[in-house]
Amino acid sequence: GLQHGLLNGVLRLSGRSVREAAADAERQLANLPWRWWVGPDSDAGV
């Protein structure tokens, strides 16, 4: 809930479409700076 891009975000996406997950993340994190961390535990191609 803090206005800092490192303190809000997505850590993993696995087993779900990027389109659907992005829409969900954008809704949950609306009005905040945030980032999407993509690491080895996310699906390939994210």
All heavy atoms as atom14 arrays in JSON, in Angstrom:
{
  "sequence": "GLQHGLLNGVLRLSGRSVREAAADAERQLANLPWRWWVGPDSDAGV",
  "atom14_mask": [
    [1, 1, 1, 1, 0, 0, 0, 0, 0, 0, 0, 0, 0, 0],
    [1, 1, 1, 1, 1, 1, 1, 1, 0, 0, 0, 0, 0, 0],
    [1, 1, 1, 1, 1, 1, 1, 1, 1, 0, 0, 0, 0, 0],
    [1, 1, 1, 1, 1, 1, 1, 1, 1, 1, 0, 0, 0, 0],
    [1, 1, 1, 1, 0, 0, 0, 0, 0, 0, 0, 0, 0, 0],
    [1, 1, 1, 1, 1, 1, 1, 1, 0, 0, 0, 0, 0, 0],
    [1, 1, 1, 1, 1, 1, 1, 1, 0, 0, 0, 0, 0, 0],
    [1, 1, 1, 1, 1, 1, 1, 1, 0, 0, 0, 0, 0, 0],
    [1, 1, 1, 1, 0, 0, 0, 0, 0, 0, 0, 0, 0, 0],
    [1, 1, 1, 1, 1, 1, 1, 0, 0, 0, 0, 0, 0, 0],
    [1, 1, 1, 1, 1, 1, 1, 1, 0, 0, 0, 0, 0, 0],
    [1, 1, 1, 1, 1, 1, 1, 1, 1, 1, 1, 0, 0, 0],
    [1, 1, 1, 1, 1, 1, 1, 1, 0, 0, 0, 0, 0, 0],
    [1, 1, 1, 1, 1, 1, 0, 0, 0, 0, 0, 0, 0, 0],
    [1, 1, 1, 1, 0, 0, 0, 0, 0, 0, 0, 0, 0, 0],
    [1, 1, 1, 1, 1, 1, 1, 1, 1, 1, 1, 0, 0, 0],
    [1, 1, 1, 1, 1, 1, 0, 0, 0, 0, 0, 0, 0, 0],
    [1, 1, 1, 1, 1, 1, 1, 0, 0, 0, 0, 0, 0, 0],
    [1, 1, 1, 1, 1, 1, 1, 1, 1, 1, 1, 0, 0, 0],
    [1, 1, 1, 1, 1, 1, 1, 1, 1, 0, 0, 0, 0, 0],
    [1, 1, 1, 1, 1, 0, 0, 0, 0, 0, 0, 0, 0, 0],
    [1, 1, 1, 1, 1, 0, 0, 0, 0, 0, 0, 0, 0, 0],
    [1, 1, 1, 1, 1, 0, 0, 0, 0, 0, 0, 0, 0, 0],
    [1, 1, 1, 1, 1, 1, 1, 1, 0, 0, 0, 0, 0, 0],
    [1, 1, 1, 1, 1, 0, 0, 0, 0, 0, 0, 0, 0, 0],
    [1, 1, 1, 1, 1, 1, 1, 1, 1, 0, 0, 0, 0, 0],
    [1, 1, 1, 1, 1, 1, 1, 1, 1, 1, 1, 0, 0, 0],
    [1, 1, 1, 1, 1, 1, 1, 1, 1, 0, 0, 0, 0, 0],
    [1, 1, 1, 1, 1, 1, 1, 1, 0, 0, 0, 0, 0, 0],
    [1, 1, 1, 1, 1, 0, 0, 0, 0, 0, 0, 0, 0, 0],
    [1, 1, 1, 1, 1, 1, 1, 1, 0, 0, 0, 0, 0, 0],
    [1, 1, 1, 1, 1, 1, 1, 1, 0, 0, 0, 0, 0, 0],
    [1, 1, 1, 1, 1, 1, 1, 0, 0, 0, 0, 0, 0, 0],
    [1, 1, 1, 1, 1, 1, 1, 1, 1, 1, 1, 1, 1, 1],
    [1, 1, 1, 1, 1, 1, 1, 1, 1, 1, 1, 0, 0, 0],
    [1, 1, 1, 1, 1, 1, 1, 1, 1, 1, 1, 1, 1, 1],
    [1, 1, 1, 1, 1, 1, 1, 1, 1, 1, 1, 1, 1, 1],
    [1, 1, 1, 1, 1, 1, 1, 0, 0, 0, 0, 0, 0, 0],
    [1, 1, 1, 1, 0, 0, 0, 0, 0, 0, 0, 0, 0, 0],
    [1, 1, 1, 1, 1, 1, 1, 0, 0, 0, 0, 0, 0, 0],
    [1, 1, 1, 1, 1, 1, 1, 1, 0, 0, 0, 0, 0, 0],
    [1, 1, 1, 1, 1, 1, 0, 0, 0, 0, 0, 0, 0, 0],
    [1, 1, 1, 1, 1, 1, 1, 1, 0, 0, 0, 0, 0, 0],
    [1, 1, 1, 1, 1, 0, 0, 0, 0, 0, 0, 0, 0, 0],
    [1, 1, 1, 1, 0, 0, 0, 0, 0, 0, 0, 0, 0, 0],
    [1, 1, 1, 1, 1, 1, 1, 0, 0, 0, 0, 0, 0, 0]
  ],
  "atom14_positions": [
    [[0.8, -1.21, 0.0], [0.0, 0.0, 0.0], [0.84, 1.26, 0.0], [0.3, 2.36, -0.11], [0.0, 0.0, 0.0], [0.0, 0.0, 0.0], [0.0, 0.0, 0.0], [0.0, 0.0, 0.0], [0.0, 0.0, 0.0], [0.0, 0.0, 0.0], [0.0, 0.0, 0.0], [0.0, 0.0, 0.0], [0.0, 0.0, 0.0], [0.0, 0.0, 0.0]],
    [[2.16, 1.12, 0.13], [3.06, 2.27, 0.13], [3.39, 2.68, -1.31], [3.43, 1.84, -2.2], [4.34, 1.92, 0.89], [4.13, 1.57, 2.36], [5.43, 1.08, 2.98], [3.57, 2.74, 3.13], [0.0, 0.0, 0.0], [0.0, 0.0, 0.0], [0.0, 0.0, 0.0], [0.0, 0.0, 0.0], [0.0, 0.0, 0.0], [0.0, 0.0, 0.0]],
    [[3.65, 3.95, -1.51], [3.92, 4.49, -2.84], [5.39, 4.28, -3.23], [6.15, 5.23, -3.39], [3.55, 5.97, -2.91], [2.07, 6.23, -2.8], [1.31, 5.69, -4.0], [1.73, 5.83, -5.14], [0.18, 5.05, -3.74], [0.0, 0.0, 0.0], [0.0, 0.0, 0.0], [0.0, 0.0, 0.0], [0.0, 0.0, 0.0], [0.0, 0.0, 0.0]],
    [[5.79, 3.04, -3.36], [7.15, 2.69, -3.77], [7.08, 1.43, -4.63], [6.47, 0.44, -4.23], [8.02, 2.45, -2.54], [9.48, 2.43, -2.85], [10.09, 1.4, -3.52], [10.44, 3.33, -2.6], [11.37, 1.66, -3.66], [11.61, 2.83, -3.1], [0.0, 0.0, 0.0], [0.0, 0.0, 0.0], [0.0, 0.0, 0.0], [0.0, 0.0, 0.0]],
    [[7.72, 1.51, -5.79], [7.64, 0.43, -6.77], [8.21, -0.9, -6.34], [7.86, -1.92, -6.91], [0.0, 0.0, 0.0], [0.0, 0.0, 0.0], [0.0, 0.0, 0.0], [0.0, 0.0, 0.0], [0.0, 0.0, 0.0], [0.0, 0.0, 0.0], [0.0, 0.0, 0.0], [0.0, 0.0, 0.0], [0.0, 0.0, 0.0], [0.0, 0.0, 0.0]],
    [[9.08, -0.93, -5.36], [9.61, -2.21, -4.89], [8.73, -2.86, -3.84], [8.88, -4.05, -3.56], [11.01, -2.01, -4.29], [12.12, -1.68, -5.28], [13.42, -1.43, -4.53], [12.29, -2.79, -6.28], [0.0, 0.0, 0.0], [0.0, 0.0, 0.0], [0.0, 0.0, 0.0], [0.0, 0.0, 0.0], [0.0, 0.0, 0.0], [0.0, 0.0, 0.0]],
    [[7.81, -2.11, -3.26], [7.03, -2.61, -2.13], [5.65, -3.1, -2.52], [4.82, -3.39, -1.65], [6.94, -1.53, -1.05], [8.3, -1.07, -0.52], [8.1, 0.01, 0.54], [9.11, -2.23, 0.03], [0.0, 0.0, 0.0], [0.0, 0.0, 0.0], [0.0, 0.0, 0.0], [0.0, 0.0, 0.0], [0.0, 0.0, 0.0], [0.0, 0.0, 0.0]],
    [[5.4, -3.22, -3.82], [4.14, -3.76, -4.34], [4.48, -4.49, -5.63], [5.29, -3.99, -6.42], [3.16, -2.62, -4.66], [2.96, -1.69, -3.49], [2.32, -2.04, -2.52], [3.54, -0.5, -3.58], [0.0, 0.0, 0.0], [0.0, 0.0, 0.0], [0.0, 0.0, 0.0], [0.0, 0.0, 0.0], [0.0, 0.0, 0.0], [0.0, 0.0, 0.0]],
    [[3.86, -5.63, -5.87], [4.15, -6.29, -7.13], [3.69, -7.72, -7.22], [2.97, -8.24, -6.37], [0.0, 0.0, 0.0], [0.0, 0.0, 0.0], [0.0, 0.0, 0.0], [0.0, 0.0, 0.0], [0.0, 0.0, 0.0], [0.0, 0.0, 0.0], [0.0, 0.0, 0.0], [0.0, 0.0, 0.0], [0.0, 0.0, 0.0], [0.0, 0.0, 0.0]],
    [[4.17, -8.36, -8.29], [3.89, -9.76, -8.58], [5.21, -10.52, -8.48], [6.23, -10.07, -9.01], [3.29, -9.94, -9.99], [3.12, -11.41, -10.33], [1.96, -9.2, -10.09], [0.0, 0.0, 0.0], [0.0, 0.0, 0.0], [0.0, 0.0, 0.0], [0.0, 0.0, 0.0], [0.0, 0.0, 0.0], [0.0, 0.0, 0.0], [0.0, 0.0, 0.0]],
    [[5.18, -11.66, -7.8], [6.39, -12.46, -7.62], [6.43, -13.7, -8.5], [7.51, -14.2, -8.79], [6.51, -12.92, -6.16], [6.75, -11.81, -5.15], [6.67, -12.38, -3.74], [8.1, -11.16, -5.4], [0.0, 0.0, 0.0], [0.0, 0.0, 0.0], [0.0, 0.0, 0.0], [0.0, 0.0, 0.0], [0.0, 0.0, 0.0], [0.0, 0.0, 0.0]],
    [[5.27, -14.22, -8.88], [5.27, -15.46, -9.66], [3.96, -15.61, -10.41], [2.9, -15.23, -9.91], [5.45, -16.66, -8.74], [5.45, -17.98, -9.52], [5.69, -19.16, -8.63], [4.47, -19.47, -7.87], [4.28, -20.61, -7.24], [5.21, -21.53, -7.23], [3.18, -20.82, -6.58], [0.0, 0.0, 0.0], [0.0, 0.0, 0.0], [0.0, 0.0, 0.0]],
    [[4.06, -16.18, -11.59], [2.89, -16.61, -12.35], [3.16, -18.02, -12.82], [4.14, -18.27, -13.52], [2.63, -15.68, -13.54], [1.51, -16.15, -14.47], [0.18, -16.26, -13.74], [1.4, -15.24, -15.67], [0.0, 0.0, 0.0], [0.0, 0.0, 0.0], [0.0, 0.0, 0.0], [0.0, 0.0, 0.0], [0.0, 0.0, 0.0], [0.0, 0.0, 0.0]],
    [[2.27, -18.93, -12.47], [2.44, -20.33, -12.85], [1.07, -20.96, -13.08], [0.21, -20.91, -12.21], [3.18, -21.07, -11.72], [3.34, -22.43, -12.05], [0.0, 0.0, 0.0], [0.0, 0.0, 0.0], [0.0, 0.0, 0.0], [0.0, 0.0, 0.0], [0.0, 0.0, 0.0], [0.0, 0.0, 0.0], [0.0, 0.0, 0.0], [0.0, 0.0, 0.0]],
    [[0.89, -21.5, -14.28], [-0.33, -22.24, -14.57], [-1.55, -21.38, -14.88], [-2.68, -21.83, -14.7], [0.0, 0.0, 0.0], [0.0, 0.0, 0.0], [0.0, 0.0, 0.0], [0.0, 0.0, 0.0], [0.0, 0.0, 0.0], [0.0, 0.0, 0.0], [0.0, 0.0, 0.0], [0.0, 0.0, 0.0], [0.0, 0.0, 0.0], [0.0, 0.0, 0.0]],
    [[-1.34, -20.18, -15.34], [-2.44, -19.27, -15.65], [-2.03, -18.4, -16.83], [-0.85, -18.1, -16.99], [-2.68, -18.41, -14.42], [-3.91, -17.58, -14.45], [-4.13, -17.01, -13.06], [-5.19, -16.02, -13.08], [-5.49, -15.26, -12.06], [-4.81, -15.34, -10.94], [-6.46, -14.39, -12.14], [0.0, 0.0, 0.0], [0.0, 0.0, 0.0], [0.0, 0.0, 0.0]],
    [[-2.96, -17.95, -17.62], [-2.62, -17.12, -18.77], [-2.1, -15.76, -18.32], [-2.59, -15.2, -17.33], [-3.82, -16.94, -19.7], [-4.7, -15.95, -19.22], [0.0, 0.0, 0.0], [0.0, 0.0, 0.0], [0.0, 0.0, 0.0], [0.0, 0.0, 0.0], [0.0, 0.0, 0.0], [0.0, 0.0, 0.0], [0.0, 0.0, 0.0], [0.0, 0.0, 0.0]],
    [[-1.14, -15.22, -19.05], [-0.58, -13.91, -18.73], [-1.66, -12.84, -18.86], [-1.75, -11.94, -18.03], [0.63, -13.6, -19.63], [1.1, -12.16, -19.46], [1.77, -14.57, -19.32], [0.0, 0.0, 0.0], [0.0, 0.0, 0.0], [0.0, 0.0, 0.0], [0.0, 0.0, 0.0], [0.0, 0.0, 0.0], [0.0, 0.0, 0.0], [0.0, 0.0, 0.0]],
    [[-2.49, -12.94, -19.87], [-3.55, -11.95, -20.09], [-4.47, -11.87, -18.87], [-4.74, -10.8, -18.33], [-4.35, -12.31, -21.35], [-5.49, -11.34, -21.65], [-6.35, -11.81, -22.82], [-6.88, -13.15, -22.66], [-7.9, -13.49, -21.87], [-8.5, -12.59, -21.14], [-8.31, -14.73, -21.8], [0.0, 0.0, 0.0], [0.0, 0.0, 0.0], [0.0, 0.0, 0.0]],
    [[-4.94, -13.0, -18.4], [-5.83, -13.05, -17.24], [-5.12, -12.61, -15.96], [-5.65, -11.83, -15.17], [-6.35, -14.49, -17.08], [-7.24, -14.71, -15.89], [-7.61, -16.18, -15.75], [-8.22, -16.73, -16.69], [-7.27, -16.76, -14.7], [0.0, 0.0, 0.0], [0.0, 0.0, 0.0], [0.0, 0.0, 0.0], [0.0, 0.0, 0.0], [0.0, 0.0, 0.0]],
    [[-3.9, -13.08, -15.77], [-3.14, -12.73, -14.56], [-2.78, -11.25, -14.54], [-2.86, -10.61, -13.48], [-1.87, -13.58, -14.49], [0.0, 0.0, 0.0], [0.0, 0.0, 0.0], [0.0, 0.0, 0.0], [0.0, 0.0, 0.0], [0.0, 0.0, 0.0], [0.0, 0.0, 0.0], [0.0, 0.0, 0.0], [0.0, 0.0, 0.0], [0.0, 0.0, 0.0]],
    [[-2.41, -10.69, -15.68], [-2.06, -9.26, -15.74], [-3.27, -8.4, -15.39], [-3.16, -7.43, -14.64], [-1.51, -8.9, -17.11], [0.0, 0.0, 0.0], [0.0, 0.0, 0.0], [0.0, 0.0, 0.0], [0.0, 0.0, 0.0], [0.0, 0.0, 0.0], [0.0, 0.0, 0.0], [0.0, 0.0, 0.0], [0.0, 0.0, 0.0], [0.0, 0.0, 0.0]],
    [[-4.43, -8.77, -15.92], [-5.65, -8.01, -15.6], [-5.94, -8.08, -14.1], [-6.3, -7.07, -13.48], [-6.83, -8.54, -16.41], [0.0, 0.0, 0.0], [0.0, 0.0, 0.0], [0.0, 0.0, 0.0], [0.0, 0.0, 0.0], [0.0, 0.0, 0.0], [0.0, 0.0, 0.0], [0.0, 0.0, 0.0], [0.0, 0.0, 0.0], [0.0, 0.0, 0.0]],
    [[-5.76, -9.24, -13.51], [-5.99, -9.41, -12.08], [-4.98, -8.6, -11.27], [-5.34, -7.89, -10.33], [-5.89, -10.9, -11.72], [-6.41, -11.21, -10.33], [-7.06, -10.34, -9.7], [-6.15, -12.33, -9.86], [0.0, 0.0, 0.0], [0.0, 0.0, 0.0], [0.0, 0.0, 0.0], [0.0, 0.0, 0.0], [0.0, 0.0, 0.0], [0.0, 0.0, 0.0]],
    [[-3.7, -8.67, -11.63], [-2.67, -7.91, -10.92], [-2.9, -6.41, -11.05], [-2.78, -5.67, -10.07], [-1.29, -8.28, -11.47], [0.0, 0.0, 0.0], [0.0, 0.0, 0.0], [0.0, 0.0, 0.0], [0.0, 0.0, 0.0], [0.0, 0.0, 0.0], [0.0, 0.0, 0.0], [0.0, 0.0, 0.0], [0.0, 0.0, 0.0], [0.0, 0.0, 0.0]],
    [[-3.25, -5.95, -12.24], [-3.5, -4.52, -12.45], [-4.66, -4.04, -11.58], [-4.63, -2.93, -11.04], [-3.76, -4.25, -13.92], [-2.5, -4.41, -14.77], [-2.78, -4.5, -16.26], [-3.94, -4.29, -16.7], [-1.83, -4.79, -17.01], [0.0, 0.0, 0.0], [0.0, 0.0, 0.0], [0.0, 0.0, 0.0], [0.0, 0.0, 0.0], [0.0, 0.0, 0.0]],
    [[-5.67, -4.88, -11.41], [-6.8, -4.53, -10.55], [-6.38, -4.47, -9.08], [-6.67, -3.52, -8.37], [-7.93, -5.54, -10.75], [-9.17, -5.28, -9.9], [-10.2, -6.39, -10.0], [-9.67, -7.72, -9.73], [-9.37, -8.18, -8.51], [-9.53, -7.42, -7.45], [-8.91, -9.4, -8.36], [0.0, 0.0, 0.0], [0.0, 0.0, 0.0], [0.0, 0.0, 0.0]],
    [[-5.64, -5.49, -8.65], [-5.22, -5.56, -7.24], [-4.24, -4.46, -6.85], [-4.2, -4.04, -5.7], [-4.56, -6.91, -6.94], [-5.52, -8.07, -6.95], [-4.82, -9.35, -6.53], [-4.19, -9.39, -5.47], [-4.92, -10.39, -7.34], [0.0, 0.0, 0.0], [0.0, 0.0, 0.0], [0.0, 0.0, 0.0], [0.0, 0.0, 0.0], [0.0, 0.0, 0.0]],
    [[-3.44, -4.01, -7.82], [-2.38, -3.04, -7.52], [-2.67, -1.65, -8.08], [-1.77, -0.81, -8.16], [-1.05, -3.58, -8.05], [-0.61, -4.89, -7.39], [0.5, -5.55, -8.18], [-0.2, -4.65, -5.95], [0.0, 0.0, 0.0], [0.0, 0.0, 0.0], [0.0, 0.0, 0.0], [0.0, 0.0, 0.0], [0.0, 0.0, 0.0], [0.0, 0.0, 0.0]],
    [[-3.92, -1.41, -8.44], [-4.31, -0.12, -9.0], [-3.91, 1.02, -8.06], [-3.97, 0.88, -6.83], [-5.82, -0.09, -9.24], [0.0, 0.0, 0.0], [0.0, 0.0, 0.0], [0.0, 0.0, 0.0], [0.0, 0.0, 0.0], [0.0, 0.0, 0.0], [0.0, 0.0, 0.0], [0.0, 0.0, 0.0], [0.0, 0.0, 0.0], [0.0, 0.0, 0.0]],
    [[-3.49, 2.12, -8.63], [-3.11, 3.34, -7.92], [-1.83, 3.22, -7.09], [-1.59, 4.03, -6.2], [-4.25, 3.84, -7.02], [-5.5, 4.1, -7.83], [-5.45, 4.71, -8.89], [-6.63, 3.61, -7.35], [0.0, 0.0, 0.0], [0.0, 0.0, 0.0], [0.0, 0.0, 0.0], [0.0, 0.0, 0.0], [0.0, 0.0, 0.0], [0.0, 0.0, 0.0]],
    [[-1.05, 2.19, -7.36], [0.24, 2.01, -6.68], [1.34, 1.8, -7.72], [1.1, 1.19, -8.75], [0.21, 0.77, -5.78], [-0.65, 0.83, -4.54], [-0.76, -0.55, -3.91], [-0.07, 1.82, -3.55], [0.0, 0.0, 0.0], [0.0, 0.0, 0.0], [0.0, 0.0, 0.0], [0.0, 0.0, 0.0], [0.0, 0.0, 0.0], [0.0, 0.0, 0.0]],
    [[2.54, 2.28, -7.43], [3.67, 1.87, -8.27], [3.99, 0.42, -7.93], [3.88, 0.01, -6.77], [4.79, 2.82, -7.84], [4.43, 3.23, -6.46], [2.93, 3.2, -6.38], [0.0, 0.0, 0.0], [0.0, 0.0, 0.0], [0.0, 0.0, 0.0], [0.0, 0.0, 0.0], [0.0, 0.0, 0.0], [0.0, 0.0, 0.0], [0.0, 0.0, 0.0]],
    [[4.32, -0.37, -8.94], [4.58, -1.78, -8.69], [5.42, -2.37, -9.8], [5.63, -1.75, -10.82], [3.3, -2.56, -8.48], [2.33, -2.58, -9.63], [1.5, -1.56, -10.02], [2.07, -3.66, -10.52], [0.74, -1.95, -11.09], [1.06, -3.23, -11.43], [2.57, -4.94, -10.66], [0.57, -4.06, -12.44], [2.08, -5.76, -11.65], [1.08, -5.31, -12.53]],
    [[5.9, -3.57, -9.57], [6.68, -4.28, -10.58], [6.3, -5.75, -10.61], [5.7, -6.26, -9.67], [8.18, -4.13, -10.34], [8.67, -4.73, -9.07], [10.13, -4.42, -8.81], [10.33, -2.99, -8.93], [11.19, -2.42, -9.81], [11.95, -3.15, -10.56], [11.3, -1.12, -9.89], [0.0, 0.0, 0.0], [0.0, 0.0, 0.0], [0.0, 0.0, 0.0]],
    [[6.66, -6.37, -11.71], [6.39, -7.8, -11.89], [7.74, -8.49, -11.97], [8.48, -8.32, -12.93], [5.62, -8.02, -13.18], [5.03, -9.38, -13.33], [5.66, -10.58, -13.19], [3.68, -9.69, -13.67], [4.79, -11.62, -13.41], [3.56, -11.09, -13.71], [2.56, -8.91, -13.95], [2.39, -11.73, -14.02], [1.39, -9.56, -14.25], [1.29, -10.94, -14.29]],
    [[8.08, -9.22, -10.92], [9.32, -9.98, -10.9], [9.11, -11.27, -11.68], [8.18, -12.01, -11.39], [9.71, -10.33, -9.47], [9.9, -9.16, -8.57], [8.95, -8.61, -7.74], [11.07, -8.37, -8.42], [9.49, -7.53, -7.07], [10.79, -7.37, -7.47], [12.34, -8.42, -8.99], [11.73, -6.43, -7.07], [13.27, -7.48, -8.58], [12.96, -6.51, -7.64]],
    [[9.93, -11.54, -12.67], [9.84, -12.78, -13.44], [11.1, -13.59, -13.16], [12.19, -13.18, -13.51], [9.71, -12.52, -14.95], [9.63, -13.83, -15.71], [8.48, -11.65, -15.23], [0.0, 0.0, 0.0], [0.0, 0.0, 0.0], [0.0, 0.0, 0.0], [0.0, 0.0, 0.0], [0.0, 0.0, 0.0], [0.0, 0.0, 0.0], [0.0, 0.0, 0.0]],
    [[10.92, -14.74, -12.52], [12.05, -15.57, -12.16], [11.87, -16.99, -12.64], [10.9, -17.31, -13.35], [0.0, 0.0, 0.0], [0.0, 0.0, 0.0], [0.0, 0.0, 0.0], [0.0, 0.0, 0.0], [0.0, 0.0, 0.0], [0.0, 0.0, 0.0], [0.0, 0.0, 0.0], [0.0, 0.0, 0.0], [0.0, 0.0, 0.0], [0.0, 0.0, 0.0]],
    [[12.76, -17.87, -12.22], [12.71, -19.26, -12.69], [11.51, -20.05, -12.2], [11.23, -21.13, -12.72], [14.01, -19.86, -12.16], [14.47, -18.96, -11.08], [13.9, -17.61, -11.37], [0.0, 0.0, 0.0], [0.0, 0.0, 0.0], [0.0, 0.0, 0.0], [0.0, 0.0, 0.0], [0.0, 0.0, 0.0], [0.0, 0.0, 0.0], [0.0, 0.0, 0.0]],
    [[10.75, -19.52, -11.23], [9.56, -20.24, -10.77], [8.29, -19.76, -11.49], [7.2, -20.24, -11.21], [9.4, -20.15, -9.26], [9.35, -18.74, -8.73], [9.73, -17.8, -9.47], [8.93, -18.56, -7.58], [0.0, 0.0, 0.0], [0.0, 0.0, 0.0], [0.0, 0.0, 0.0], [0.0, 0.0, 0.0], [0.0, 0.0, 0.0], [0.0, 0.0, 0.0]],
    [[8.44, -18.83, -12.43], [7.31, -18.42, -13.29], [7.33, -19.28, -14.55], [8.38, -19.8, -14.93], [7.41, -16.95, -13.68], [7.08, -16.12, -12.59], [0.0, 0.0, 0.0], [0.0, 0.0, 0.0], [0.0, 0.0, 0.0], [0.0, 0.0, 0.0], [0.0, 0.0, 0.0], [0.0, 0.0, 0.0], [0.0, 0.0, 0.0], [0.0, 0.0, 0.0]],
    [[6.2, -19.39, -15.2], [6.13, -20.15, -16.45], [7.03, -19.53, -17.51], [7.25, -18.31, -17.52], [4.7, -20.18, -16.98], [3.77, -21.03, -16.12], [4.26, -21.87, -15.35], [2.54, -20.83, -16.23], [0.0, 0.0, 0.0], [0.0, 0.0, 0.0], [0.0, 0.0, 0.0], [0.0, 0.0, 0.0], [0.0, 0.0, 0.0], [0.0, 0.0, 0.0]],
    [[7.52, -20.36, -18.4], [8.33, -19.88, -19.52], [7.49, -18.93, -20.38], [6.29, -19.14, -20.55], [8.82, -21.05, -20.36], [0.0, 0.0, 0.0], [0.0, 0.0, 0.0], [0.0, 0.0, 0.0], [0.0, 0.0, 0.0], [0.0, 0.0, 0.0], [0.0, 0.0, 0.0], [0.0, 0.0, 0.0], [0.0, 0.0, 0.0], [0.0, 0.0, 0.0]],
    [[8.1, -17.88, -20.87], [7.41, -16.96, -21.78], [6.67, -15.83, -21.1], [6.1, -14.97, -21.78], [0.0, 0.0, 0.0], [0.0, 0.0, 0.0], [0.0, 0.0, 0.0], [0.0, 0.0, 0.0], [0.0, 0.0, 0.0], [0.0, 0.0, 0.0], [0.0, 0.0, 0.0], [0.0, 0.0, 0.0], [0.0, 0.0, 0.0], [0.0, 0.0, 0.0]],
    [[6.66, -15.77, -19.77], [5.92, -14.72, -19.07], [6.5, -13.34, -19.39], [5.76, -12.41, -19.71], [5.9, -14.96, -17.54], [5.35, -13.76, -16.79], [5.07, -16.2, -17.22], [0.0, 0.0, 0.0], [0.0, 0.0, 0.0], [0.0, 0.0, 0.0], [0.0, 0.0, 0.0], [0.0, 0.0, 0.0], [0.0, 0.0, 0.0], [0.0, 0.0, 0.0]]
  ]
}
